Amino acid sequence: MTNVQINSTNIRYQDGDISRVDVYFHGRNARHTYSVTGYIPLTAKEYQGNEALAALTELVVDKLMKGLRGEEDTEVELEAE
């Protein structure tokens, strides 16, 4: 993945504190032969210290690659949609 861009973040609060952050992204390779779009859910602890765009992008790429390898973590519980 040579180009990942953060589109937006959705910060969720519970009792005035951040409870979860969904980071929406789009990525593609240099030749544009494949692309990926989605979101990575982060815990408040994962988000803290990674708010800057460069750090957040690095974290998203790391989690995306782990997910593609089947190594997804389950720290953040997703609600049934």
PDB file of N, CA and C in Angstrom:
ATOM      1  N   MET A   1       0.874  -1.172   0.000  1.00  0.00           N
ATOM      2  CA  MET A   1       0.000   0.000   0.000  1.00  0.00           C
ATOM      3  C   MET A   1       0.906   1.215   0.000  1.00  0.00           C
ATOM      4  N   THR A   2       0.884   1.959  -1.048  1.00  0.00           N
ATOM      5  CA  THR A   2       1.788   3.093  -1.146  1.00  0.00           C
ATOM      6  C   THR A   2       1.137   4.419  -0.800  1.00  0.00           C
ATOM      7  N   ASN A   3      -0.180   4.472  -0.817  1.00  0.00           N
ATOM      8  CA  ASN A   3      -0.839   5.748  -0.555  1.00  0.00           C
ATOM      9  C   ASN A   3      -2.111   5.520   0.247  1.00  0.00           C
ATOM     10  N   VAL A   4      -2.088   5.909   1.501  1.00  0.00           N
ATOM     11  CA  VAL A   4      -3.281   5.840   2.350  1.00  0.00           C
ATOM     12  C   VAL A   4      -3.587   7.252   2.815  1.00  0.00           C
ATOM     13  N   GLN A   5      -4.839   7.652   2.637  1.00  0.00           N
ATOM     14  CA  GLN A   5      -5.270   8.975   3.075  1.00  0.00           C
ATOM     15  C   GLN A   5      -6.396   8.831   4.084  1.00  0.00           C
ATOM     16  N   ILE A   6      -6.295   9.575   5.159  1.00  0.00           N
ATOM     17  CA  ILE A   6      -7.359   9.629   6.161  1.00  0.00           C
ATOM     18  C   ILE A   6      -8.423  10.583   5.623  1.00  0.00           C
ATOM     19  N   ASN A   7      -9.664  10.113   5.543  1.00  0.00           N
ATOM     20  CA  ASN A   7     -10.767  10.949   5.074  1.00  0.00           C
ATOM     21  C   ASN A   7     -11.423  11.710   6.220  1.00  0.00           C
ATOM     22  N   SER A   8     -11.635  11.001   7.339  1.00  0.00           N
ATOM     23  CA  SER A   8     -12.292  11.640   8.476  1.00  0.00           C
ATOM     24  C   SER A   8     -12.152  10.771   9.708  1.00  0.00           C
ATOM     25  N   THR A   9     -12.461  11.364  10.845  1.00  0.00           N
ATOM     26  CA  THR A   9     -12.518  10.614  12.095  1.00  0.00           C
ATOM     27  C   THR A   9     -13.876  10.874  12.743  1.00  0.00           C
ATOM     28  N   ASN A  10     -14.403   9.844  13.349  1.00  0.00           N
ATOM     29  CA  ASN A  10     -15.659   9.951  14.083  1.00  0.00           C
ATOM     30  C   ASN A  10     -15.342   9.611  15.535  1.00  0.00           C
ATOM     31  N   ILE A  11     -15.334  10.618  16.373  1.00  0.00           N
ATOM     32  CA  ILE A  11     -14.976  10.430  17.777  1.00  0.00           C
ATOM     33  C   ILE A  11     -16.249  10.212  18.582  1.00  0.00           C
ATOM     34  N   ARG A  12     -16.280   9.112  19.302  1.00  0.00           N
ATOM     35  CA  ARG A  12     -17.441   8.788  20.129  1.00  0.00           C
ATOM     36  C   ARG A  12     -17.095   9.040  21.596  1.00  0.00           C
ATOM     37  N   TYR A  13     -18.043   9.614  22.292  1.00  0.00           N
ATOM     38  CA  TYR A  13     -17.841   9.955  23.696  1.00  0.00           C
ATOM     39  C   TYR A  13     -18.798   9.169  24.578  1.00  0.00           C
ATOM     40  N   GLN A  14     -18.338   8.895  25.783  1.00  0.00           N
ATOM     41  CA  GLN A  14     -19.197   8.293  26.797  1.00  0.00           C
ATOM     42  C   GLN A  14     -18.853   8.970  28.120  1.00  0.00           C
ATOM     43  N   ASP A  15     -19.827   9.562  28.717  1.00  0.00           N
ATOM     44  CA  ASP A  15     -19.643  10.291  29.980  1.00  0.00           C
ATOM     45  C   ASP A  15     -18.564  11.374  29.864  1.00  0.00           C
ATOM     46  N   GLY A  16     -18.514  12.043  28.702  1.00  0.00           N
ATOM     47  CA  GLY A  16     -17.591  13.145  28.517  1.00  0.00           C
ATOM     48  C   GLY A  16     -16.181  12.752  28.111  1.00  0.00           C
ATOM     49  N   ASP A  17     -15.896  11.464  28.042  1.00  0.00           N
ATOM     50  CA  ASP A  17     -14.569  10.994  27.650  1.00  0.00           C
ATOM     51  C   ASP A  17     -14.649  10.267  26.308  1.00  0.00           C
ATOM     52  N   ILE A  18     -13.551  10.273  25.577  1.00  0.00           N
ATOM     53  CA  ILE A  18     -13.510   9.527  24.317  1.00  0.00           C
ATOM     54  C   ILE A  18     -13.613   8.044  24.628  1.00  0.00           C
ATOM     55  N   SER A  19     -14.540   7.372  23.946  1.00  0.00           N
ATOM     56  CA  SER A  19     -14.689   5.926  24.148  1.00  0.00           C
ATOM     57  C   SER A  19     -14.184   5.132  22.955  1.00  0.00           C
ATOM     58  N   ARG A  20     -14.229   5.743  21.775  1.00  0.00           N
ATOM     59  CA  ARG A  20     -13.830   5.051  20.554  1.00  0.00           C
ATOM     60  C   ARG A  20     -13.668   6.085  19.450  1.00  0.00           C
ATOM     61  N   VAL A  21     -12.758   5.800  18.522  1.00  0.00           N
ATOM     62  CA  VAL A  21     -12.557   6.674  17.368  1.00  0.00           C
ATOM     63  C   VAL A  21     -12.542   5.804  16.113  1.00  0.00           C
ATOM     64  N   ASP A  22     -13.437   6.093  15.184  1.00  0.00           N
ATOM     65  CA  ASP A  22     -13.451   5.408  13.893  1.00  0.00           C
ATOM     66  C   ASP A  22     -12.707   6.286  12.897  1.00  0.00           C
ATOM     67  N   VAL A  23     -11.649   5.736  12.297  1.00  0.00           N
ATOM     68  CA  VAL A  23     -10.824   6.478  11.353  1.00  0.00           C
ATOM     69  C   VAL A  23     -11.125   5.962   9.951  1.00  0.00           C
ATOM     70  N   TYR A  24     -11.734   6.796   9.124  1.00  0.00           N
ATOM     71  CA  TYR A  24     -12.115   6.427   7.757  1.00  0.00           C
ATOM     72  C   TYR A  24     -10.967   6.763   6.815  1.00  0.00           C
ATOM     73  N   PHE A  25     -10.696   5.858   5.883  1.00  0.00           N
ATOM     74  CA  PHE A  25      -9.537   6.011   5.011  1.00  0.00           C
ATOM     75  C   PHE A  25      -9.812   5.477   3.609  1.00  0.00           C
ATOM     76  N   HIS A  26      -8.927   5.843   2.700  1.00  0.00           N
ATOM     77  CA  HIS A  26      -8.892   5.298   1.341  1.00  0.00           C
ATOM     78  C   HIS A  26      -7.428   5.061   1.015  1.00  0.00           C
ATOM     79  N   GLY A  27      -7.141   3.929   0.382  1.00  0.00           N
ATOM     80  CA  GLY A  27      -5.762   3.629   0.003  1.00  0.00           C
ATOM     81  C   GLY A  27      -5.708   2.983  -1.368  1.00  0.00           C
ATOM     82  N   ARG A  28      -4.553   3.124  -2.011  1.00  0.00           N
ATOM     83  CA  ARG A  28      -4.351   2.494  -3.325  1.00  0.00           C
ATOM     84  C   ARG A  28      -2.860   2.330  -3.558  1.00  0.00           C
ATOM     85  N   ASN A  29      -2.537   1.455  -4.512  1.00  0.00           N
ATOM     86  CA  ASN A  29      -1.135   1.296  -4.856  1.00  0.00           C
ATOM     87  C   ASN A  29      -0.748   2.313  -5.925  1.00  0.00           C
ATOM     88  N   ALA A  30       0.535   2.389  -6.228  1.00  0.00           N
ATOM     89  CA  ALA A  30       1.043   3.415  -7.146  1.00  0.00           C
ATOM     90  C   ALA A  30       0.464   3.283  -8.547  1.00  0.00           C
ATOM     91  N   ARG A  31       0.190   2.071  -8.982  1.00  0.00           N
ATOM     92  CA  ARG A  31      -0.344   1.869 -10.332  1.00  0.00           C
ATOM     93  C   ARG A  31      -1.869   1.967 -10.398  1.00  0.00           C
ATOM     94  N   HIS A  32      -2.496   2.149  -9.274  1.00  0.00           N
ATOM     95  CA  HIS A  32      -3.957   2.241  -9.196  1.00  0.00           C
ATOM     96  C   HIS A  32      -4.639   0.951  -9.660  1.00  0.00           C
ATOM     97  N   THR A  33      -3.965  -0.182  -9.470  1.00  0.00           N
ATOM     98  CA  THR A  33      -4.566  -1.457  -9.872  1.00  0.00           C
ATOM     99  C   THR A  33      -5.446  -2.035  -8.774  1.00  0.00           C
ATOM    100  N   TYR A  34      -5.298  -1.555  -7.564  1.00  0.00           N
ATOM    101  CA  TYR A  34      -6.217  -1.931  -6.493  1.00  0.00           C
ATOM    102  C   TYR A  34      -6.378  -0.774  -5.516  1.00  0.00           C
ATOM    103  N   SER A  35      -7.513  -0.783  -4.845  1.00  0.00           N
ATOM    104  CA  SER A  35      -7.774   0.231  -3.831  1.00  0.00           C
ATOM    105  C   SER A  35      -8.545  -0.402  -2.687  1.00  0.00           C
ATOM    106  N   VAL A  36      -8.520   0.274  -1.572  1.00  0.00           N
ATOM    107  CA  VAL A  36      -9.229  -0.196  -0.390  1.00  0.00           C
ATOM    108  C   VAL A  36      -9.804   1.026   0.321  1.00  0.00           C
ATOM    109  N   THR A  37     -11.016   0.880   0.799  1.00  0.00           N
ATOM    110  CA  THR A  37     -11.700   1.947   1.520  1.00  0.00           C
ATOM    111  C   THR A  37     -12.366   1.334   2.736  1.00  0.00           C
ATOM    112  N   GLY A  38     -12.365   2.039   3.828  1.00  0.00           N
ATOM    113  CA  GLY A  38     -13.025   1.518   5.017  1.00  0.00           C
ATOM    114  C   GLY A  38     -12.746   2.382   6.225  1.00  0.00           C
ATOM    115  N   TYR A  39     -12.888   1.765   7.381  1.00  0.00           N
ATOM    116  CA  TYR A  39     -12.558   2.475   8.610  1.00  0.00           C
ATOM    117  C   TYR A  39     -11.895   1.518   9.575  1.00  0.00           C
ATOM    118  N   ILE A  40     -11.073   2.068  10.435  1.00  0.00           N
ATOM    119  CA  ILE A  40     -10.393   1.312  11.477  1.00  0.00           C
ATOM    120  C   ILE A  40     -10.891   1.862  12.811  1.00  0.00           C
ATOM    121  N   PRO A  41     -11.508   1.015  13.646  1.00  0.00           N
ATOM    122  CA  PRO A  41     -11.926   1.471  14.968  1.00  0.00           C
ATOM    123  C   PRO A  41     -10.739   1.447  15.938  1.00  0.00           C
ATOM    124  N   LEU A  42     -10.585   2.515  16.688  1.00  0.00           N
ATOM    125  CA  LEU A  42      -9.509   2.614  17.671  1.00  0.00           C
ATOM    126  C   LEU A  42     -10.092   2.810  19.062  1.00  0.00           C
ATOM    127  N   THR A  43      -9.413   2.287  20.044  1.00  0.00           N
ATOM    128  CA  THR A  43      -9.781   2.593  21.424  1.00  0.00           C
ATOM    129  C   THR A  43      -9.275   3.995  21.741  1.00  0.00           C
ATOM    130  N   ALA A  44      -9.776   4.557  22.815  1.00  0.00           N
ATOM    131  CA  ALA A  44      -9.299   5.876  23.241  1.00  0.00           C
ATOM    132  C   ALA A  44      -7.801   5.824  23.516  1.00  0.00           C
ATOM    133  N   LYS A  45      -7.337   4.726  24.103  1.00  0.00           N
ATOM    134  CA  LYS A  45      -5.916   4.566  24.415  1.00  0.00           C
ATOM    135  C   LYS A  45      -5.063   4.522  23.145  1.00  0.00           C
ATOM    136  N   GLU A  46      -5.542   3.829  22.101  1.00  0.00           N
ATOM    137  CA  GLU A  46      -4.805   3.773  20.837  1.00  0.00           C
ATOM    138  C   GLU A  46      -4.753   5.145  20.171  1.00  0.00           C
ATOM    139  N   TYR A  47      -5.844   5.897  20.258  1.00  0.00           N
ATOM    140  CA  TYR A  47      -5.925   7.209  19.626  1.00  0.00           C
ATOM    141  C   TYR A  47      -5.037   8.231  20.338  1.00  0.00           C
ATOM    142  N   GLN A  48      -4.984   8.138  21.657  1.00  0.00           N
ATOM    143  CA  GLN A  48      -4.208   9.084  22.446  1.00  0.00           C
ATOM    144  C   GLN A  48      -2.734   8.999  22.061  1.00  0.00           C
ATOM    145  N   GLY A  49      -2.169  10.126  21.691  1.00  0.00           N
ATOM    146  CA  GLY A  49      -0.777  10.182  21.272  1.00  0.00           C
ATOM    147  C   GLY A  49      -0.591   9.974  19.774  1.00  0.00           C
ATOM    148  N   ASN A  50      -1.652   9.578  19.080  1.00  0.00           N
ATOM    149  CA  ASN A  50      -1.595   9.364  17.631  1.00  0.00           C
ATOM    150  C   ASN A  50      -2.541  10.298  16.883  1.00  0.00           C
ATOM    151  N   GLU A  51      -2.898  11.417  17.487  1.00  0.00           N
ATOM    152  CA  GLU A  51      -3.862  12.334  16.884  1.00  0.00           C
ATOM    153  C   GLU A  51      -3.321  13.025  15.635  1.00  0.00           C
ATOM    154  N   ALA A  52      -2.018  13.234  15.567  1.00  0.00           N
ATOM    155  CA  ALA A  52      -1.417  13.896  14.401  1.00  0.00           C
ATOM    156  C   ALA A  52      -1.626  13.023  13.166  1.00  0.00           C
ATOM    157  N   LEU A  53      -1.827  13.661  12.026  1.00  0.00           N
ATOM    158  CA  LEU A  53      -2.161  12.952  10.801  1.00  0.00           C
ATOM    159  C   LEU A  53      -1.132  11.878  10.431  1.00  0.00           C
ATOM    160  N   ALA A  54       0.147  12.196  10.528  1.00  0.00           N
ATOM    161  CA  ALA A  54       1.190  11.223  10.165  1.00  0.00           C
ATOM    162  C   ALA A  54       1.141   9.997  11.074  1.00  0.00           C
ATOM    163  N   ALA A  55       1.004  10.214  12.373  1.00  0.00           N
ATOM    164  CA  ALA A  55       0.945   9.103  13.322  1.00  0.00           C
ATOM    165  C   ALA A  55      -0.332   8.291  13.138  1.00  0.00           C
ATOM    166  N   LEU A  56      -1.441   8.971  12.895  1.00  0.00           N
ATOM    167  CA  LEU A  56      -2.717   8.290  12.700  1.00  0.00           C
ATOM    168  C   LEU A  56      -2.683   7.447  11.423  1.00  0.00           C
ATOM    169  N   THR A  57      -2.095   7.981  10.366  1.00  0.00           N
ATOM    170  CA  THR A  57      -1.976   7.238   9.114  1.00  0.00           C
ATOM    171  C   THR A  57      -1.115   5.994   9.307  1.00  0.00           C
ATOM    172  N   GLU A  58      -0.020   6.131  10.014  1.00  0.00           N
ATOM    173  CA  GLU A  58       0.858   4.985  10.281  1.00  0.00           C
ATOM    174  C   GLU A  58       0.117   3.900  11.067  1.00  0.00           C
ATOM    175  N   LEU A  59      -0.658   4.305  12.055  1.00  0.00           N
ATOM    176  CA  LEU A  59      -1.432   3.352  12.851  1.00  0.00           C
ATOM    177  C   LEU A  59      -2.484   2.656  11.999  1.00  0.00           C
ATOM    178  N   VAL A  60      -3.164   3.397  11.148  1.00  0.00           N
ATOM    179  CA  VAL A  60      -4.180   2.816  10.257  1.00  0.00           C
ATOM    180  C   VAL A  60      -3.541   1.811   9.301  1.00  0.00           C
ATOM    181  N   VAL A  61      -2.411   2.170   8.704  1.00  0.00           N
ATOM    182  CA  VAL A  61      -1.732   1.262   7.777  1.00  0.00           C
ATOM    183  C   VAL A  61      -1.321  -0.013   8.507  1.00  0.00           C
ATOM    184  N   ASP A  62      -0.784   0.125   9.708  1.00  0.00           N
ATOM    185  CA  ASP A  62      -0.370  -1.037  10.491  1.00  0.00           C
ATOM    186  C   ASP A  62      -1.556  -1.957  10.772  1.00  0.00           C
ATOM    187  N   LYS A  63      -2.662  -1.386  11.228  1.00  0.00           N
ATOM    188  CA  LYS A  63      -3.845  -2.187  11.531  1.00  0.00           C
ATOM    189  C   LYS A  63      -4.462  -2.781  10.261  1.00  0.00           C
ATOM    190  N   LEU A  64      -4.438  -2.039   9.163  1.00  0.00           N
ATOM    191  CA  LEU A  64      -4.956  -2.538   7.903  1.00  0.00           C
ATOM    192  C   LEU A  64      -4.147  -3.750   7.445  1.00  0.00           C
ATOM    193  N   MET A  65      -2.836  -3.639   7.484  1.00  0.00           N
ATOM    194  CA  MET A  65      -1.985  -4.742   7.045  1.00  0.00           C
ATOM    195  C   MET A  65      -2.173  -5.971   7.937  1.00  0.00           C
ATOM    196  N   LYS A  66      -2.296  -5.765   9.236  1.00  0.00           N
ATOM    197  CA  LYS A  66      -2.560  -6.894  10.139  1.00  0.00           C
ATOM    198  C   LYS A  66      -3.885  -7.552   9.788  1.00  0.00           C
ATOM    199  N   GLY A  67      -4.884  -6.751   9.503  1.00  0.00           N
ATOM    200  CA  GLY A  67      -6.191  -7.286   9.146  1.00  0.00           C
ATOM    201  C   GLY A  67      -6.138  -8.089   7.856  1.00  0.00           C
ATOM    202  N   LEU A  68      -5.385  -7.607   6.879  1.00  0.00           N
ATOM    203  CA  LEU A  68      -5.255  -8.316   5.609  1.00  0.00           C
ATOM    204  C   LEU A  68      -4.522  -9.646   5.778  1.00  0.00           C
ATOM    205  N   ARG A  69      -3.643  -9.714   6.782  1.00  0.00           N
ATOM    206  CA  ARG A  69      -2.934 -10.959   7.064  1.00  0.00           C
ATOM    207  C   ARG A  69      -3.735 -11.875   7.990  1.00  0.00           C
ATOM    208  N   GLY A  70      -4.913 -11.439   8.401  1.00  0.00           N
ATOM    209  CA  GLY A  70      -5.738 -12.247   9.301  1.00  0.00           C
ATOM    210  C   GLY A  70      -5.338 -12.145  10.758  1.00  0.00           C
ATOM    211  N   GLU A  71      -4.648 -11.088  11.108  1.00  0.00           N
ATOM    212  CA  GLU A  71      -4.174 -10.882  12.480  1.00  0.00           C
ATOM    213  C   GLU A  71      -4.962  -9.784  13.184  1.00  0.00           C
ATOM    214  N   GLU A  72      -6.225  -9.609  12.828  1.00  0.00           N
ATOM    215  CA  GLU A  72      -7.021  -8.522  13.403  1.00  0.00           C
ATOM    216  C   GLU A  72      -7.067  -8.613  14.916  1.00  0.00           C
ATOM    217  N   ASP A  73      -6.955  -7.467  15.557  1.00  0.00           N
ATOM    218  CA  ASP A  73      -7.147  -7.450  17.004  1.00  0.00           C
ATOM    219  C   ASP A  73      -8.618  -7.208  17.301  1.00  0.00           C
ATOM    220  N   THR A  74      -9.013  -7.491  18.510  1.00  0.00           N
ATOM    221  CA  THR A  74     -10.422  -7.349  18.874  1.00  0.00           C
ATOM    222  C   THR A  74     -10.581  -6.444  20.080  1.00  0.00           C
ATOM    223  N   GLU A  75      -9.707  -5.435  20.198  1.00  0.00           N
ATOM    224  CA  GLU A  75      -9.790  -4.516  21.332  1.00  0.00           C
ATOM    225  C   GLU A  75     -11.060  -3.691  21.340  1.00  0.00           C
ATOM    226  N   VAL A  76     -11.520  -3.299  20.162  1.00  0.00           N
ATOM    227  CA  VAL A  76     -12.690  -2.441  20.075  1.00  0.00           C
ATOM    228  C   VAL A  76     -13.890  -3.286  19.704  1.00  0.00           C
ATOM    229  N   GLU A  77     -14.920  -3.219  20.535  1.00  0.00           N
ATOM    230  CA  GLU A  77     -16.146  -3.945  20.224  1.00  0.00           C
ATOM    231  C   GLU A  77     -16.994  -3.096  19.298  1.00  0.00           C
ATOM    232  N   LEU A  78     -17.440  -3.714  18.202  1.00  0.00           N
ATOM    233  CA  LEU A  78     -18.276  -3.000  17.250  1.00  0.00           C
ATOM    234  C   LEU A  78     -19.729  -3.301  17.565  1.00  0.00           C
ATOM    235  N   GLU A  79     -20.571  -2.268  17.428  1.00  0.00           N
ATOM    236  CA  GLU A  79     -21.996  -2.469  17.642  1.00  0.00           C
ATOM    237  C   GLU A  79     -22.596  -3.196  16.444  1.00  0.00           C
ATOM    238  N   ALA A  80     -23.636  -3.951  16.694  1.00  0.00           N
ATOM    239  CA  ALA A  80     -24.356  -4.589  15.578  1.00  0.00           C
ATOM    240  C   ALA A  80     -24.993  -3.490  14.742  1.00  0.00           C
ATOM    241  N   GLU A  81     -24.824  -3.598  13.439  1.00  0.00           N
ATOM    242  CA  GLU A  81     -25.361  -2.549  12.577  1.00  0.00           C
ATOM    243  C   GLU A  81     -26.560  -3.042  11.821  1.00  0.00           C
TER     244      GLU A  81
END
